[in-house]
C-alpha atoms as a PDB file:
ATOM      1  CA  MET A   1       9.263  13.296  16.330  1.00  0.00           C
ATOM      2  CA  TYR A   2       5.991  14.423  14.745  1.00  0.00           C
ATOM      3  CA  ALA A   3       6.567  14.109  10.999  1.00  0.00           C
ATOM      4  CA  ASP A   4       3.638  15.253   8.854  1.00  0.00           C
ATOM      5  CA  GLU A   5       4.328  15.331   5.117  1.00  0.00           C
ATOM      6  CA  VAL A   6       0.931  16.841   4.247  1.00  0.00           C
ATOM      7  CA  ASP A   7       1.414  19.698   6.707  1.00  0.00           C
ATOM      8  CA  ALA A   8       4.992  20.260   5.511  1.00  0.00           C
ATOM      9  CA  ALA A   9       3.875  20.309   1.860  1.00  0.00           C
ATOM     10  CA  GLN A  10       1.117  22.821   2.660  1.00  0.00           C
ATOM     11  CA  ALA A  11       3.560  25.118   4.494  1.00  0.00           C
ATOM     12  CA  THR A  12       6.059  24.849   1.628  1.00  0.00           C
ATOM     13  CA  PHE A  13       3.260  25.559  -0.861  1.00  0.00           C
ATOM     14  CA  ARG A  14       2.312  28.767   0.997  1.00  0.00           C
ATOM     15  CA  LEU A  15       5.903  29.877   1.504  1.00  0.00           C
ATOM     16  CA  VAL A  16       6.901  29.427  -2.142  1.00  0.00           C
ATOM     17  CA  LEU A  17       3.686  30.936  -3.407  1.00  0.00           C
ATOM     18  CA  HIS A  18       3.990  34.125  -1.333  1.00  0.00           C
ATOM     19  CA  ARG A  19       7.763  34.724  -1.335  1.00  0.00           C
ATOM     20  CA  PRO A  20       8.346  37.929  -3.325  1.00  0.00           C
ATOM     21  CA  HIS A  21      11.689  36.949  -4.872  1.00  0.00           C
ATOM     22  CA  SER A  22      12.759  33.707  -6.480  1.00  0.00           C
ATOM     23  CA  PHE A  23      16.169  32.164  -6.014  1.00  0.00           C
ATOM     24  CA  SER A  24      16.282  30.291  -9.319  1.00  0.00           C
ATOM     25  CA  LEU A  25      14.548  29.559 -12.596  1.00  0.00           C
ATOM     26  CA  LEU A  26      13.492  26.226 -11.080  1.00  0.00           C
ATOM     27  CA  GLU A  27      11.744  28.086  -8.265  1.00  0.00           C
ATOM     28  CA  ASP A  28       9.979  30.301 -10.819  1.00  0.00           C
ATOM     29  CA  CYS A  29       8.685  27.121 -12.479  1.00  0.00           C
ATOM     30  CA  GLY A  30       7.632  25.776  -9.106  1.00  0.00           C
ATOM     31  CA  LYS A  31       5.732  28.973  -8.358  1.00  0.00           C
ATOM     32  CA  ALA A  32       3.904  28.730 -11.663  1.00  0.00           C
ATOM     33  CA  VAL A  33       2.851  25.190 -10.786  1.00  0.00           C
ATOM     34  CA  ALA A  34       1.906  26.202  -7.234  1.00  0.00           C
ATOM     35  CA  ARG A  35      -0.267  29.097  -8.394  1.00  0.00           C
ATOM     36  CA  SER A  36      -2.160  26.921 -10.827  1.00  0.00           C
ATOM     37  CA  CYS A  37      -3.021  23.932  -8.633  1.00  0.00           C
ATOM     38  CA  SER A  38      -4.457  22.842  -5.315  1.00  0.00           C
ATOM     39  CA  PRO A  39      -2.238  22.030  -2.316  1.00  0.00           C
ATOM     40  CA  GLN A  40      -2.970  18.328  -2.881  1.00  0.00           C
ATOM     41  CA  LEU A  41      -1.746  18.441  -6.474  1.00  0.00           C
ATOM     42  CA  TYR A  42       1.228  20.555  -5.417  1.00  0.00           C
ATOM     43  CA  LYS A  43       2.104  17.889  -2.824  1.00  0.00           C
ATOM     44  CA  LEU A  44       2.161  15.269  -5.542  1.00  0.00           C
ATOM     45  CA  VAL A  45       4.310  17.441  -7.834  1.00  0.00           C
ATOM     46  CA  HIS A  46       6.547  18.333  -4.879  1.00  0.00           C
ATOM     47  CA  SER A  47       6.974  14.671  -3.979  1.00  0.00           C
ATOM     48  CA  LEU A  48       7.640  13.469  -7.499  1.00  0.00           C
ATOM     49  CA  PHE A  49       9.801  16.200  -8.965  1.00  0.00           C
ATOM     50  CA  PHE A  50      11.114  18.876  -6.631  1.00  0.00           C
ATOM     51  CA  ARG A  51      12.200  16.539  -3.874  1.00  0.00           C
ATOM     52  CA  ALA A  52      14.006  14.377  -6.424  1.00  0.00           C
ATOM     53  CA  LEU A  53      15.714  17.434  -7.940  1.00  0.00           C
ATOM     54  CA  LEU A  54      16.476  19.534  -4.898  1.00  0.00           C
ATOM     55  CA  LEU A  55      16.295  17.466  -1.753  1.00  0.00           C
ATOM     56  CA  ARG A  56      17.340  14.078  -0.594  1.00  0.00           C
ATOM     57  CA  PRO A  57      14.421  11.848   0.327  1.00  0.00           C
ATOM     58  CA  ALA A  58      13.355  12.176   3.932  1.00  0.00           C
ATOM     59  CA  GLU A  59      15.022   9.738   6.219  1.00  0.00           C
ATOM     60  CA  LYS A  60      14.426   8.957   9.854  1.00  0.00           C
ATOM     61  CA  VAL A  61      17.270   9.922  12.134  1.00  0.00           C
ATOM     62  CA  MET A  62      17.454   8.861  15.748  1.00  0.00           C
ATOM     63  CA  CYS A  63      18.905  11.523  17.992  1.00  0.00           C
ATOM     64  CA  PRO A  64      19.099  12.081  21.735  1.00  0.00           C
ATOM     65  CA  MET A  65      16.514  14.428  23.147  1.00  0.00           C
ATOM     66  CA  VAL A  66      16.805  16.414  26.344  1.00  0.00           C
ATOM     67  CA  THR A  67      14.398  18.679  28.161  1.00  0.00           C
ATOM     68  CA  VAL A  68      14.998  22.312  29.067  1.00  0.00           C
ATOM     69  CA  SER A  69      15.209  21.223  32.715  1.00  0.00           C
ATOM     70  CA  GLN A  70      17.854  18.624  31.879  1.00  0.00           C
ATOM     71  CA  LEU A  71      19.923  21.326  30.149  1.00  0.00           C
ATOM     72  CA  ILE A  72      19.486  23.668  33.122  1.00  0.00           C
ATOM     73  CA  ARG A  73      20.891  21.003  35.453  1.00  0.00           C
ATOM     74  CA  GLN A  74      23.577  19.688  33.084  1.00  0.00           C
ATOM     75  CA  TYR A  75      25.077  23.143  32.513  1.00  0.00           C
ATOM     76  CA  ASN A  76      24.186  24.660  35.915  1.00  0.00           C
ATOM     77  CA  ILE A  77      22.177  27.437  34.243  1.00  0.00           C
ATOM     78  CA  MET A  78      21.059  30.079  36.711  1.00  0.00           C
ATOM     79  CA  GLU A  79      18.850  32.077  34.351  1.00  0.00           C
ATOM     80  CA  VAL A  80      17.585  31.859  30.775  1.00  0.00           C
ATOM     81  CA  GLY A  81      17.995  34.973  28.639  1.00  0.00           C
ATOM     82  CA  LEU A  82      15.840  34.001  25.637  1.00  0.00           C
ATOM     83  CA  LEU A  83      13.770  30.929  24.961  1.00  0.00           C
ATOM     84  CA  LYS A  84      13.395  30.425  21.186  1.00  0.00           C
ATOM     85  CA  ILE A  85      11.352  27.424  20.118  1.00  0.00           C
ATOM     86  CA  ASN A  86      11.175  26.037  16.578  1.00  0.00           C
ATOM     87  CA  VAL A  87      10.844  22.277  16.816  1.00  0.00           C
ATOM     88  CA  GLU A  88       8.346  21.220  14.131  1.00  0.00           C
ATOM     89  CA  ARG A  89       5.187  20.247  16.011  1.00  0.00           C
ATOM     90  CA  ALA A  90       6.870  19.562  19.382  1.00  0.00           C
ATOM     91  CA  GLU A  91       6.489  23.057  20.877  1.00  0.00           C
ATOM     92  CA  TRP A  92       4.271  21.910  23.731  1.00  0.00           C
ATOM     93  CA  ASP A  93       6.788  19.189  24.599  1.00  0.00           C
ATOM     94  CA  VAL A  94       9.497  21.830  25.053  1.00  0.00           C
ATOM     95  CA  LEU A  95       7.456  23.796  27.580  1.00  0.00           C
ATOM     96  CA  ALA A  96       6.196  20.623  29.254  1.00  0.00           C
ATOM     97  CA  GLY A  97       9.859  19.687  29.714  1.00  0.00           C
ATOM     98  CA  ILE A  98      10.396  22.615  32.077  1.00  0.00           C
ATOM     99  CA  GLN A  99       9.894  21.267  35.580  1.00  0.00           C
ATOM    100  CA  GLU A 100       8.148  23.394  38.183  1.00  0.00           C
ATOM    101  CA  GLN A 101      11.362  24.107  40.128  1.00  0.00           C
ATOM    102  CA  ASP A 102      12.985  25.457  36.946  1.00  0.00           C
ATOM    103  CA  TRP A 103      10.318  28.016  36.033  1.00  0.00           C
ATOM    104  CA  PRO A 104      11.858  30.634  38.395  1.00  0.00           C
ATOM    105  CA  LYS A 105      15.016  30.484  36.240  1.00  0.00           C
ATOM    106  CA  VAL A 106      12.873  30.955  33.167  1.00  0.00           C
ATOM    107  CA  ARG A 107      11.249  33.891  34.989  1.00  0.00           C
ATOM    108  CA  GLN A 108      14.371  35.867  34.030  1.00  0.00           C
ATOM    109  CA  VAL A 109      13.446  35.424  30.369  1.00  0.00           C
ATOM    110  CA  ARG A 110      12.390  38.704  28.818  1.00  0.00           C
ATOM    111  CA  GLN A 111      10.950  37.031  25.726  1.00  0.00           C
ATOM    112  CA  VAL A 112       9.782  33.697  24.391  1.00  0.00           C
ATOM    113  CA  SER A 113       9.496  33.211  20.644  1.00  0.00           C
ATOM    114  CA  ALA A 114       7.848  30.044  19.349  1.00  0.00           C
ATOM    115  CA  GLN A 115       6.858  28.892  15.894  1.00  0.00           C
ATOM    116  CA  VAL A 116       3.790  26.770  16.574  1.00  0.00           C
ATOM    117  CA  HIS A 117       1.827  24.351  14.428  1.00  0.00           C
ATOM    118  CA  ASP A 118      -1.773  24.834  15.536  1.00  0.00           C
ATOM    119  CA  ILE A 119      -2.760  21.204  15.857  1.00  0.00           C
ATOM    120  CA  ARG A 120      -5.592  20.443  18.296  1.00  0.00           C
ATOM    121  CA  GLY A 121      -5.492  23.979  19.726  1.00  0.00           C
ATOM    122  CA  ARG A 122      -1.773  24.098  20.519  1.00  0.00           C
ATOM    123  CA  VAL A 123      -1.469  27.825  19.829  1.00  0.00           C
ATOM    124  CA  GLY A 124      -4.161  28.610  22.416  1.00  0.00           C
ATOM    125  CA  HIS A 125      -2.750  26.160  24.972  1.00  0.00           C
ATOM    126  CA  LEU A 126       0.775  27.495  24.585  1.00  0.00           C
ATOM    127  CA  ALA A 127      -0.399  31.116  24.822  1.00  0.00           C
ATOM    128  CA  ALA A 128      -2.424  30.311  27.959  1.00  0.00           C
ATOM    129  CA  LEU A 129       0.572  28.618  29.600  1.00  0.00           C
ATOM    130  CA  LEU A 130       2.792  31.636  28.920  1.00  0.00           C
ATOM    131  CA  ARG A 131       0.119  33.993  30.324  1.00  0.00           C
ATOM    132  CA  ARG A 132      -0.108  31.867  33.484  1.00  0.00           C
ATOM    133  CA  ARG A 133       3.666  32.228  33.795  1.00  0.00           C
ATOM    134  CA  GLY A 134       3.462  36.024  33.634  1.00  0.00           C
ATOM    135  CA  PHE A 135       4.069  36.781  29.965  1.00  0.00           C
ATOM    136  CA  GLN A 136       2.119  39.199  27.812  1.00  0.00           C
ATOM    137  CA  VAL A 137       1.352  37.140  24.723  1.00  0.00           C
ATOM    138  CA  THR A 138       0.934  38.032  21.064  1.00  0.00           C
ATOM    139  CA  VAL A 139      -0.075  35.481  18.455  1.00  0.00           C
ATOM    140  CA  CYS A 140       0.308  36.252  14.774  1.00  0.00           C
ATOM    141  CA  GLN A 141       0.364  34.521  11.442  1.00  0.00           C
ATOM    142  CA  GLU A 142       2.514  35.779   8.604  1.00  0.00           C
ATOM    143  CA  PRO A 143       0.552  36.428   5.393  1.00  0.00           C
ATOM    144  CA  ARG A 144       2.760  33.954   3.530  1.00  0.00           C
ATOM    145  CA  PHE A 145       1.388  31.201   5.781  1.00  0.00           C
ATOM    146  CA  ALA A 146      -2.267  32.122   5.265  1.00  0.00           C
ATOM    147  CA  SER A 147      -4.443  29.012   5.109  1.00  0.00           C
ATOM    148  CA  CYS A 148      -1.941  26.811   6.897  1.00  0.00           C
ATOM    149  CA  ASN A 149      -1.496  26.051  10.575  1.00  0.00           C
ATOM    150  CA  LEU A 150       1.820  27.823  11.224  1.00  0.00           C
ATOM    151  CA  HIS A 151       1.738  30.684  13.755  1.00  0.00           C
ATOM    152  CA  MET A 152       4.205  32.684  15.816  1.00  0.00           C
ATOM    153  CA  VAL A 153       3.633  33.034  19.551  1.00  0.00           C
ATOM    154  CA  TYR A 154       5.584  35.759  21.315  1.00  0.00           C
ATOM    155  CA  GLY A 155       5.678  36.181  25.059  1.00  0.00           C
ATOM    156  CA  CYS A 156       7.186  39.277  26.682  1.00  0.00           C
ATOM    157  CA  ARG A 157       7.576  40.233  30.320  1.00  0.00           C
ATOM    158  CA  PRO A 158       5.762  43.454  31.234  1.00  0.00           C
END
């Protein structure tokens, strides 16, 4: 929905660079390249070599999308136990897809866990929305994602 190859390459760069253990000799080589170059150069290397060796080229896939409220109605959900969000730059869309009449069902949630790409202040907006809905919010960024826009937002009921 919100593909961003530069952002994905930067996150991959940080993840590979800071992961303590390698899974293969190829990854060791990749780490050596990553440690010796800028994210822009790494993106080029990633695009030219690693994707060709390890991954299929990205392809667009059309798939049906539903909102949380549509799922609540479709499956007659009376309460939500955990709301875990990891949707690659569409975090706000997930919460915006909860209609006002469905928030009381979400009120039963003890915790929300969301991986958020901080684009145009999304982390702050998402945290503020959860606070307005009665959650105590913690925002953190793992050290391996230092210098990139990936954050975790946790909301817990008091």
